[in-house]
């Protein structure tokens, strides 16, 4: 994962942890607020840098943890 993607996903993880949300709760928020399908397993893989989220999912993740772009 390149530095920019790593930084973005680190910021999303930190925001999730500050809100005391589980990965499942964030996935549920993404589905409810953005209508974008997502699972807690995907969030785990994104946070670990195993895969990178597509832009639509990245934006939905940021909205779910209230990060302004």
C-alpha atoms as a PDB file:
ATOM      1  CA  UNK A   1       0.000   0.000   0.000  1.00  0.00           C
ATOM      2  CA  UNK A   2       1.399   3.401  -0.894  1.00  0.00           C
ATOM      3  CA  UNK A   3       1.859   6.082   1.761  1.00  0.00           C
ATOM      4  CA  UNK A   4      -1.210   8.130   0.811  1.00  0.00           C
ATOM      5  CA  UNK A   5      -3.541   5.129   0.955  1.00  0.00           C
ATOM      6  CA  UNK A   6      -1.910   3.953   4.181  1.00  0.00           C
ATOM      7  CA  UNK A   7      -2.418   7.384   5.755  1.00  0.00           C
ATOM      8  CA  UNK A   8      -6.055   7.556   4.683  1.00  0.00           C
ATOM      9  CA  UNK A   9      -6.856   4.109   6.020  1.00  0.00           C
ATOM     10  CA  UNK A  10      -4.957   4.831   9.242  1.00  0.00           C
ATOM     11  CA  UNK A  11      -7.038   7.993   9.678  1.00  0.00           C
ATOM     12  CA  UNK A  12     -10.240   6.022   9.137  1.00  0.00           C
ATOM     13  CA  UNK A  13      -9.153   3.371  11.651  1.00  0.00           C
ATOM     14  CA  UNK A  14      -8.199   6.019  14.225  1.00  0.00           C
ATOM     15  CA  UNK A  15     -11.519   7.824  13.723  1.00  0.00           C
ATOM     16  CA  UNK A  16     -13.387   4.520  14.092  1.00  0.00           C
ATOM     17  CA  UNK A  17     -11.549   3.758  17.307  1.00  0.00           C
ATOM     18  CA  UNK A  18     -12.155   7.274  18.693  1.00  0.00           C
ATOM     19  CA  UNK A  19     -15.862   6.779  18.077  1.00  0.00           C
ATOM     20  CA  UNK A  20     -15.557   3.372  19.751  1.00  0.00           C
ATOM     21  CA  UNK A  21     -17.121   1.685  16.754  1.00  0.00           C
ATOM     22  CA  UNK A  22     -16.466  -1.871  15.706  1.00  0.00           C
ATOM     23  CA  UNK A  23     -15.693  -2.675  12.116  1.00  0.00           C
ATOM     24  CA  UNK A  24     -19.186  -4.198  11.879  1.00  0.00           C
ATOM     25  CA  UNK A  25     -20.778  -0.977  13.139  1.00  0.00           C
ATOM     26  CA  UNK A  26     -18.876   1.032  10.534  1.00  0.00           C
ATOM     27  CA  UNK A  27     -19.928  -1.398   7.816  1.00  0.00           C
ATOM     28  CA  UNK A  28     -23.543  -1.016   8.940  1.00  0.00           C
ATOM     29  CA  UNK A  29     -23.217   2.783   8.840  1.00  0.00           C
ATOM     30  CA  UNK A  30     -21.796   2.652   5.317  1.00  0.00           C
ATOM     31  CA  UNK A  31     -24.751   0.587   4.131  1.00  0.00           C
ATOM     32  CA  UNK A  32     -27.326   2.738   5.957  1.00  0.00           C
ATOM     33  CA  UNK A  33     -25.901   6.173   5.108  1.00  0.00           C
ATOM     34  CA  UNK A  34     -24.421   5.662   1.665  1.00  0.00           C
ATOM     35  CA  UNK A  35     -26.202   2.581   0.372  1.00  0.00           C
ATOM     36  CA  UNK A  36     -22.836   1.058  -0.473  1.00  0.00           C
ATOM     37  CA  UNK A  37     -22.488  -2.651   0.309  1.00  0.00           C
ATOM     38  CA  UNK A  38     -19.699  -3.333   2.786  1.00  0.00           C
ATOM     39  CA  UNK A  39     -18.734  -5.970   5.328  1.00  0.00           C
ATOM     40  CA  UNK A  40     -16.632  -5.899   8.449  1.00  0.00           C
ATOM     41  CA  UNK A  41     -14.212  -8.261   6.696  1.00  0.00           C
ATOM     42  CA  UNK A  42     -13.648  -5.675   3.949  1.00  0.00           C
ATOM     43  CA  UNK A  43     -12.965  -2.967   6.536  1.00  0.00           C
ATOM     44  CA  UNK A  44     -10.464  -5.247   8.261  1.00  0.00           C
ATOM     45  CA  UNK A  45      -8.681  -5.896   4.963  1.00  0.00           C
ATOM     46  CA  UNK A  46      -8.631  -2.161   4.169  1.00  0.00           C
ATOM     47  CA  UNK A  47      -7.237  -1.271   7.595  1.00  0.00           C
ATOM     48  CA  UNK A  48      -4.557  -3.965   7.325  1.00  0.00           C
ATOM     49  CA  UNK A  49      -3.601  -2.825   3.831  1.00  0.00           C
ATOM     50  CA  UNK A  50      -4.428  -6.197   2.294  1.00  0.00           C
ATOM     51  CA  UNK A  51      -6.672  -4.530  -0.279  1.00  0.00           C
ATOM     52  CA  UNK A  52      -7.461  -0.927  -1.133  1.00  0.00           C
ATOM     53  CA  UNK A  53     -11.039   0.318  -1.205  1.00  0.00           C
ATOM     54  CA  UNK A  54     -12.438   1.688  -4.458  1.00  0.00           C
ATOM     55  CA  UNK A  55     -13.160   5.422  -4.362  1.00  0.00           C
ATOM     56  CA  UNK A  56     -16.910   5.025  -3.808  1.00  0.00           C
ATOM     57  CA  UNK A  57     -16.279   2.831  -0.772  1.00  0.00           C
ATOM     58  CA  UNK A  58     -13.505   5.075   0.515  1.00  0.00           C
ATOM     59  CA  UNK A  59     -15.837   8.077   0.463  1.00  0.00           C
ATOM     60  CA  UNK A  60     -18.575   6.068   2.158  1.00  0.00           C
ATOM     61  CA  UNK A  61     -16.130   4.936   4.847  1.00  0.00           C
ATOM     62  CA  UNK A  62     -15.038   8.513   5.495  1.00  0.00           C
ATOM     63  CA  UNK A  63     -18.675   9.594   5.819  1.00  0.00           C
ATOM     64  CA  UNK A  64     -19.393   6.721   8.206  1.00  0.00           C
ATOM     65  CA  UNK A  65     -16.705   7.905  10.626  1.00  0.00           C
ATOM     66  CA  UNK A  66     -17.329  11.623   9.949  1.00  0.00           C
ATOM     67  CA  UNK A  67     -14.023  12.510   8.240  1.00  0.00           C
ATOM     68  CA  UNK A  68     -14.234  15.573   5.991  1.00  0.00           C
ATOM     69  CA  UNK A  69     -12.206  15.507   2.810  1.00  0.00           C
END
